[in-house]
Amino acid sequence: MKKAYFLAAFFLLAFLLSGCKGSGEVQRRLVVHAIGVDPADEGFIVSYQVFAGRADESGPTDADESTVVTLLAAGRTLGEAEENLRLKTGKEVFLGDCELILISDKLREIGLMGFLDYLKSSDVYSGVSVAYCRGSASETVSAKLKQGSATAILLRGVLEEAIMCGRALSSRVIELTNALEFDGESAAVPVLEMTLGRDNGDGSTLTETDIGVYHSIIMTPNGCGPETDSDSAAGISLLKGSTRALEFLVESKNGSADIRLDKVRSSRKIRIENGLPEISINISGRYTVRASTGDMTDDEIKKLSEKALLELCSSGYEYISSGDLFEIKKMMIKYEGDYFRSKKDSIGEIIQKTTFNVRASLFKY
């Protein structure tokens, strides 16, 4: 009986001690949910939105604005800033739960390769999204956007919505790394823009914060290229075949209609025509009229929607000289391997001369 009591006491003590150790490990960690990067005189100022928790919590705690804080650290590199944060707080910096990385567009000229090299060697998840932001990344990361929600979650939601609706291209760490590792390739990185205190026109201002994605920056291994608007980004996405949904307005003398496309599919085929690549794209999908004015017929709305898709593609095609945004080289390697090998030394010039033949066919939901 004494032996049984001893064993029971031993296992109970072991359980309690292991729980304390686990809690201690959590307390010694800074769990980062978002990172903002701004320029400094020598290097960067990095904002870390971290999960702070509450001392009185006895169970799982959600990350909301009452349980997160923003900490700042400076360094000549992102790695040095992370080390300075560790020394400053005495805690391990854990980036594995990071949901978004924002870089001030004031740093656009230096390119992304240095940032990506750091992220690849850290414990940041390769699927986390990277975006530029207008103005201060620190102010954006630490903004109080909505009661009861952590800023990182809301910013990520805004970005994902823009990508889902075709107004921005996905820019996860792994996608950017794959696109920018080789000369001649490029990627379109979304730009988050935050607006505070809009003027009502009567001298007063609104206090709420508006934030959205209205532009993207073309990035190459050598730095930044031109900037796109949301229509151009949608066209690039359609030509790449990465759009699954899209929203736009069509208008005629008979009225206007607010259109949403779902189940968008772009089937792409490549062939060599007159010594140069030509890509044929068939865009299909279903459309829903969310709201309309006037007396537009279904047939008119359908034709105008298909025309709008072709116009978006034309807008996106203007950026073909900005590098291989449309993944043409991958298509050549896969389907026209002999041609690619024979033209490998001049492939960048050939990509810029690639033509697209686009057709659109929609049906009403």
Protein backbone atom coordinates (compact mmCIF):
# COMPACT_ATOMS: atom_id res chain seq x y z
CA MET A 1 0.00 0.00 0.00
CA LYS A 2 2.84 2.40 0.88
CA LYS A 3 4.48 1.58 -2.43
CA ALA A 4 1.25 2.41 -4.28
CA TYR A 5 0.93 5.75 -2.46
CA PHE A 6 4.56 6.54 -3.24
CA LEU A 7 4.11 5.84 -6.97
CA ALA A 8 0.91 7.91 -7.10
CA ALA A 9 2.63 10.84 -5.39
CA PHE A 10 5.64 10.50 -7.71
CA PHE A 11 3.55 10.63 -10.90
CA LEU A 12 1.45 13.53 -9.57
CA LEU A 13 4.58 15.51 -8.75
CA ALA A 14 6.08 14.74 -12.16
CA PHE A 15 2.90 15.91 -13.89
CA LEU A 16 2.76 19.17 -11.94
CA LEU A 17 6.42 19.93 -12.51
CA SER A 18 6.16 19.23 -16.23
CA GLY A 19 3.24 21.68 -16.45
CA CYS A 20 5.24 24.37 -14.73
CA LYS A 21 8.13 23.81 -17.06
CA GLY A 22 5.89 24.15 -20.11
CA SER A 23 4.43 27.39 -18.80
CA GLY A 24 7.92 28.66 -18.13
CA GLU A 25 8.98 27.87 -21.69
CA VAL A 26 6.08 29.91 -23.04
CA GLN A 27 6.93 32.83 -20.76
CA ARG A 28 10.50 32.82 -22.05
CA ARG A 29 9.36 33.17 -25.67
CA LEU A 30 8.23 36.13 -27.74
CA VAL A 31 5.63 34.68 -30.13
CA VAL A 32 5.64 37.01 -33.14
CA HIS A 33 2.44 37.45 -35.19
CA ALA A 34 3.54 40.18 -37.62
CA ILE A 35 6.73 41.96 -38.61
CA GLY A 36 7.11 45.51 -39.95
CA VAL A 37 10.34 46.79 -41.48
CA ASP A 38 11.19 50.51 -41.78
CA PRO A 39 14.40 52.26 -42.87
CA ALA A 40 16.84 53.67 -40.30
CA ASP A 41 19.99 55.77 -40.65
CA GLU A 42 22.07 52.58 -40.59
CA GLY A 43 19.94 49.57 -41.39
CA PHE A 44 16.37 48.96 -40.26
CA ILE A 45 13.89 49.50 -37.47
CA VAL A 46 11.86 46.32 -37.10
CA SER A 47 8.44 46.21 -35.42
CA TYR A 48 7.42 42.91 -33.87
CA GLN A 49 3.76 42.41 -33.03
CA VAL A 50 3.99 39.78 -30.29
CA PHE A 51 1.55 37.76 -28.25
CA ALA A 52 1.72 38.94 -24.64
CA GLY A 53 -1.13 36.99 -23.05
CA ARG A 54 -2.49 37.79 -19.61
CA ALA A 55 -1.17 36.66 -16.27
CA ASP A 56 -4.64 35.67 -15.03
CA GLU A 57 -5.40 33.32 -17.96
CA SER A 58 -5.80 29.68 -16.93
CA GLY A 59 -6.65 28.32 -20.40
CA PRO A 60 -6.05 29.02 -24.09
CA THR A 61 -6.02 32.72 -24.98
CA ASP A 62 -6.83 34.18 -28.39
CA ALA A 63 -4.59 36.82 -29.91
CA ASP A 64 -6.58 40.05 -29.92
CA GLU A 65 -5.66 43.68 -29.34
CA SER A 66 -5.75 43.18 -25.57
CA THR A 67 -3.16 40.41 -25.68
CA VAL A 68 -0.67 41.73 -28.25
CA VAL A 69 1.97 44.44 -28.04
CA THR A 70 4.40 45.90 -30.57
CA LEU A 71 8.12 45.88 -29.73
CA LEU A 72 10.81 47.74 -31.69
CA ALA A 73 14.40 46.75 -32.37
CA ALA A 74 17.04 48.23 -34.67
CA GLY A 75 19.84 46.57 -36.59
CA ARG A 76 21.98 46.79 -39.70
CA THR A 77 20.24 43.60 -40.86
CA LEU A 78 17.02 41.84 -39.91
CA GLY A 79 19.06 39.16 -38.18
CA GLU A 80 20.85 41.74 -36.06
CA ALA A 81 17.53 43.38 -35.15
CA GLU A 82 16.17 40.01 -34.02
CA GLU A 83 19.26 39.41 -31.89
CA ASN A 84 18.98 42.89 -30.36
CA LEU A 85 15.34 42.18 -29.47
CA ARG A 86 16.39 38.94 -27.76
CA LEU A 87 19.07 40.74 -25.75
CA LYS A 88 16.69 43.58 -24.90
CA THR A 89 13.92 41.33 -23.58
CA GLY A 90 15.90 38.29 -22.45
CA LYS A 91 13.48 36.08 -24.39
CA GLU A 92 13.74 33.80 -27.39
CA VAL A 93 12.16 35.29 -30.52
CA PHE A 94 9.85 32.73 -32.16
CA LEU A 95 8.79 33.58 -35.73
CA GLY A 96 7.05 30.31 -36.60
CA ASP A 97 3.58 31.80 -35.94
CA CYS A 98 4.20 34.98 -37.95
CA GLU A 99 1.20 35.70 -40.21
CA LEU A 100 2.39 38.70 -42.23
CA ILE A 101 5.58 40.58 -43.07
CA LEU A 102 5.20 44.24 -44.05
CA ILE A 103 8.05 46.27 -45.57
CA SER A 104 7.81 50.04 -45.94
CA ASP A 105 7.70 51.03 -49.62
CA LYS A 106 10.47 53.50 -48.76
CA LEU A 107 12.72 50.42 -48.95
CA ARG A 108 11.49 49.28 -52.35
CA GLU A 109 14.63 50.39 -54.18
CA ILE A 110 16.90 47.97 -52.31
CA GLY A 111 14.95 44.92 -53.52
CA LEU A 112 13.79 41.85 -51.64
CA MET A 113 16.64 39.37 -51.95
CA GLY A 114 18.30 40.32 -48.65
CA PHE A 115 14.99 40.02 -46.79
CA LEU A 116 14.21 36.68 -48.43
CA ASP A 117 17.64 35.26 -47.59
CA TYR A 118 17.03 36.12 -43.93
CA LEU A 119 13.51 34.68 -43.94
CA LYS A 120 14.67 31.42 -45.56
CA SER A 121 17.26 30.90 -42.83
CA SER A 122 14.88 31.76 -39.97
CA ASP A 123 11.96 29.78 -38.53
CA VAL A 124 9.43 31.86 -40.50
CA TYR A 125 6.87 29.66 -42.28
CA SER A 126 7.60 29.66 -46.03
CA GLY A 127 3.90 30.22 -46.76
CA VAL A 128 3.69 33.56 -44.91
CA SER A 129 2.77 36.56 -47.10
CA VAL A 130 5.13 39.47 -47.75
CA ALA A 131 3.72 42.87 -48.74
CA TYR A 132 4.88 46.44 -49.02
CA CYS A 133 2.98 49.20 -47.24
CA ARG A 134 2.63 52.91 -47.81
CA GLY A 135 4.49 55.00 -45.25
CA SER A 136 5.42 53.53 -41.89
CA ALA A 137 5.34 49.76 -41.44
CA SER A 138 5.50 50.27 -37.67
CA GLU A 139 2.33 52.38 -37.65
CA THR A 140 0.55 49.87 -39.88
CA VAL A 141 1.53 46.83 -37.81
CA SER A 142 0.59 48.50 -34.51
CA ALA A 143 -2.63 50.19 -35.72
CA LYS A 144 -5.83 49.55 -33.75
CA LEU A 145 -8.14 48.56 -36.58
CA LYS A 146 -11.03 46.83 -34.85
CA GLN A 147 -11.97 46.11 -31.27
CA GLY A 148 -11.24 42.52 -30.28
CA SER A 149 -9.02 41.53 -33.21
CA ALA A 150 -5.24 41.41 -33.57
CA THR A 151 -3.92 43.69 -36.31
CA ALA A 152 -1.99 40.86 -37.99
CA ILE A 153 -5.19 38.85 -38.50
CA LEU A 154 -7.05 41.79 -40.03
CA LEU A 155 -4.19 42.84 -42.32
CA ARG A 156 -3.78 39.28 -43.52
CA GLY A 157 -7.52 39.12 -44.20
CA VAL A 158 -7.41 42.31 -46.28
CA LEU A 159 -4.49 40.93 -48.31
CA GLU A 160 -6.09 37.51 -48.82
CA GLU A 161 -9.36 39.11 -49.95
CA ALA A 162 -7.51 41.21 -52.56
CA ILE A 163 -5.69 38.12 -53.82
CA MET A 164 -8.86 36.02 -53.90
CA CYS A 165 -10.66 38.72 -55.92
CA GLY A 166 -7.81 38.96 -58.43
CA ARG A 167 -6.76 42.51 -57.52
CA ALA A 168 -3.38 41.41 -56.19
CA LEU A 169 -1.02 38.51 -56.79
CA SER A 170 -0.01 36.07 -54.09
CA SER A 171 3.43 36.93 -52.66
CA ARG A 172 4.31 34.27 -50.12
CA VAL A 173 7.93 33.84 -49.10
CA ILE A 174 8.32 30.62 -51.10
CA GLU A 175 6.72 32.14 -54.22
CA LEU A 176 8.91 35.23 -54.09
CA THR A 177 12.03 33.16 -53.51
CA ASN A 178 11.26 30.90 -56.47
CA ALA A 179 10.47 33.88 -58.73
CA LEU A 180 13.44 36.08 -57.78
CA GLU A 181 16.27 33.59 -57.53
CA PHE A 182 17.12 33.83 -61.23
CA ASP A 183 17.82 36.79 -63.52
CA GLY A 184 14.96 37.74 -65.80
CA GLU A 185 12.19 36.54 -63.50
CA SER A 186 9.96 38.84 -61.48
CA ALA A 187 7.00 39.01 -59.12
CA ALA A 188 4.21 41.47 -58.31
CA VAL A 189 4.17 42.34 -54.59
CA PRO A 190 0.95 43.88 -53.17
CA VAL A 191 1.03 47.25 -51.41
CA LEU A 192 -1.15 47.77 -48.33
CA GLU A 193 -2.30 51.33 -47.88
CA MET A 194 -3.74 52.69 -44.63
CA THR A 195 -5.76 55.91 -44.43
CA LEU A 196 -6.48 57.68 -41.15
CA GLY A 197 -8.84 60.53 -40.34
CA ARG A 198 -10.45 61.28 -43.69
CA ASP A 199 -11.79 64.82 -44.09
CA ASN A 200 -15.58 65.04 -44.09
CA GLY A 201 -15.49 68.37 -45.94
CA ASP A 202 -16.82 70.35 -42.98
CA GLY A 203 -13.57 70.56 -41.05
CA SER A 204 -14.19 67.37 -39.08
CA THR A 205 -12.55 64.02 -39.73
CA LEU A 206 -13.55 60.41 -39.44
CA THR A 207 -11.52 58.54 -36.85
CA GLU A 208 -11.78 55.02 -38.23
CA THR A 209 -8.93 53.44 -40.16
CA ASP A 210 -9.32 52.33 -43.78
CA ILE A 211 -6.86 49.88 -45.26
CA GLY A 212 -6.79 48.15 -48.63
CA VAL A 213 -4.69 46.89 -51.53
CA TYR A 214 -4.85 49.20 -54.55
CA HIS A 215 -1.40 48.81 -56.10
CA SER A 216 1.40 46.27 -56.58
CA ILE A 217 5.13 46.72 -57.18
CA ILE A 218 6.96 44.63 -59.78
CA MET A 219 10.11 43.22 -58.19
CA THR A 220 13.11 41.62 -59.90
CA PRO A 221 16.34 40.17 -58.47
CA ASN A 222 17.96 43.56 -59.16
CA GLY A 223 15.38 45.71 -57.42
CA CYS A 224 12.01 47.29 -58.09
CA GLY A 225 10.33 47.90 -61.41
CA PRO A 226 7.10 49.69 -62.32
CA GLU A 227 3.96 49.83 -60.22
CA THR A 228 0.63 48.34 -61.27
CA ASP A 229 -2.88 49.37 -60.36
CA SER A 230 -5.49 46.81 -59.31
CA ASP A 231 -6.79 46.37 -62.89
CA SER A 232 -3.32 45.57 -64.21
CA ALA A 233 -2.73 43.14 -61.36
CA ALA A 234 -6.04 41.44 -62.23
CA GLY A 235 -4.91 41.18 -65.87
CA ILE A 236 -1.57 39.66 -64.88
CA SER A 237 -3.38 37.18 -62.66
CA LEU A 238 -5.72 36.19 -65.51
CA LEU A 239 -2.83 35.75 -67.96
CA LYS A 240 -0.96 33.65 -65.40
CA GLY A 241 -4.04 31.52 -64.81
CA SER A 242 -4.03 32.16 -61.06
CA THR A 243 -7.36 34.01 -60.68
CA ARG A 244 -10.28 32.11 -59.15
CA ALA A 245 -12.66 35.03 -58.52
CA LEU A 246 -13.00 38.59 -59.73
CA GLU A 247 -15.22 41.63 -59.19
CA PHE A 248 -15.82 44.55 -61.55
CA LEU A 249 -18.41 47.00 -62.88
CA VAL A 250 -19.77 47.01 -66.47
CA GLU A 251 -21.59 49.96 -67.96
CA SER A 252 -23.50 50.85 -71.12
CA LYS A 253 -26.06 53.42 -72.23
CA ASN A 254 -28.73 51.07 -70.85
CA GLY A 255 -27.37 51.00 -67.32
CA SER A 256 -24.67 49.40 -65.18
CA ALA A 257 -24.11 46.10 -63.38
CA ASP A 258 -21.88 45.06 -60.49
CA ILE A 259 -20.43 41.67 -61.47
CA ARG A 260 -18.75 38.92 -59.47
CA LEU A 261 -17.05 36.02 -61.23
CA ASP A 262 -16.57 32.66 -59.52
CA LYS A 263 -14.86 29.44 -60.53
CA VAL A 264 -12.69 31.35 -63.00
CA ARG A 265 -10.40 29.09 -64.97
CA SER A 266 -7.68 30.07 -67.45
CA SER A 267 -6.47 27.15 -69.56
CA ARG A 268 -3.15 28.00 -71.23
CA LYS A 269 -1.39 26.44 -74.22
CA ILE A 270 1.86 27.51 -75.83
CA ARG A 271 3.10 27.06 -79.37
CA ILE A 272 5.84 28.52 -81.52
CA GLU A 273 4.45 30.75 -84.25
CA ASN A 274 6.81 32.47 -86.73
CA GLY A 275 9.76 31.69 -84.49
CA LEU A 276 8.24 33.21 -81.33
CA PRO A 277 6.04 31.86 -78.51
CA GLU A 278 2.30 32.42 -78.67
CA ILE A 279 0.12 31.56 -75.68
CA SER A 280 -3.55 30.77 -76.19
CA ILE A 281 -5.76 31.31 -73.14
CA ASN A 282 -9.40 30.33 -72.72
CA ILE A 283 -10.97 32.04 -69.71
CA SER A 284 -14.19 30.55 -68.39
CA GLY A 285 -16.31 31.06 -65.28
CA ARG A 286 -19.72 31.87 -63.93
CA TYR A 287 -20.95 35.36 -63.22
CA THR A 288 -23.43 36.77 -60.75
CA VAL A 289 -25.09 40.17 -61.02
CA ARG A 290 -24.82 41.55 -57.51
CA ALA A 291 -26.61 44.81 -58.32
CA SER A 292 -27.75 46.60 -61.47
CA THR A 293 -29.38 49.79 -62.67
CA GLY A 294 -31.28 50.50 -65.85
CA ASP A 295 -32.56 47.93 -68.36
CA MET A 296 -29.50 45.85 -69.31
CA THR A 297 -30.35 42.43 -70.74
CA ASP A 298 -28.60 39.20 -69.67
CA ASP A 299 -26.96 38.91 -73.08
CA GLU A 300 -25.63 42.47 -72.88
CA ILE A 301 -24.24 41.90 -69.39
CA LYS A 302 -22.57 38.67 -70.51
CA LYS A 303 -20.91 40.28 -73.53
CA LEU A 304 -19.79 43.31 -71.54
CA SER A 305 -18.34 41.06 -68.81
CA GLU A 306 -16.38 39.03 -71.36
CA LYS A 307 -15.14 42.27 -72.94
CA ALA A 308 -14.09 43.54 -69.50
CA LEU A 309 -11.96 40.41 -68.98
CA LEU A 310 -10.18 40.97 -72.30
CA GLU A 311 -9.52 44.60 -71.36
CA LEU A 312 -8.04 43.54 -68.02
CA CYS A 313 -5.78 41.05 -69.82
CA SER A 314 -4.67 43.81 -72.19
CA SER A 315 -3.87 46.03 -69.20
CA GLY A 316 -1.81 43.24 -67.62
CA TYR A 317 0.01 42.44 -70.87
CA GLU A 318 1.59 45.91 -70.82
CA TYR A 319 3.90 44.61 -68.08
CA ILE A 320 5.40 41.77 -70.12
CA SER A 321 8.64 43.75 -70.43
CA SER A 322 8.99 43.72 -66.62
CA GLY A 323 10.33 40.17 -66.54
CA ASP A 324 8.75 36.75 -66.61
CA LEU A 325 5.64 37.64 -64.62
CA PHE A 326 3.54 35.24 -66.67
CA GLU A 327 5.78 32.16 -66.13
CA ILE A 328 6.41 31.84 -69.86
CA LYS A 329 9.79 30.19 -69.35
CA LYS A 330 8.22 27.36 -67.34
CA MET A 331 5.73 26.74 -70.14
CA MET A 332 8.50 26.68 -72.76
CA ILE A 333 10.62 24.26 -70.73
CA LYS A 334 7.64 21.93 -70.25
CA TYR A 335 6.01 22.03 -73.69
CA GLU A 336 8.63 23.44 -76.08
CA GLY A 337 11.84 22.07 -74.60
CA ASP A 338 13.81 21.87 -77.84
CA TYR A 339 12.94 25.46 -78.71
CA PHE A 340 13.87 26.66 -75.21
CA ARG A 341 17.25 24.93 -75.30
CA SER A 342 18.04 26.40 -78.71
CA LYS A 343 17.10 29.94 -77.57
CA LYS A 344 18.26 29.79 -73.96
CA ASP A 345 20.83 32.58 -74.33
CA SER A 346 18.24 35.08 -75.57
CA ILE A 347 15.23 33.89 -73.57
CA GLY A 348 14.64 37.25 -71.85
CA GLU A 349 14.21 39.06 -75.16
CA ILE A 350 11.98 36.25 -76.48
CA ILE A 351 9.70 36.45 -73.44
CA GLN A 352 9.13 40.16 -74.12
CA LYS A 353 8.04 39.30 -77.68
CA THR A 354 5.61 36.57 -76.60
CA THR A 355 2.03 37.21 -77.73
CA PHE A 356 -1.25 36.16 -76.10
CA ASN A 357 -4.43 35.10 -77.84
CA VAL A 358 -7.22 35.35 -75.23
CA ARG A 359 -10.85 34.23 -75.35
CA ALA A 360 -13.47 34.59 -72.64
CA SER A 361 -16.63 32.55 -72.19
CA LEU A 362 -18.91 33.11 -69.19
CA PHE A 363 -22.18 31.65 -68.02
CA LYS A 364 -24.68 33.08 -65.56
CA TYR A 365 -25.04 31.50 -62.13
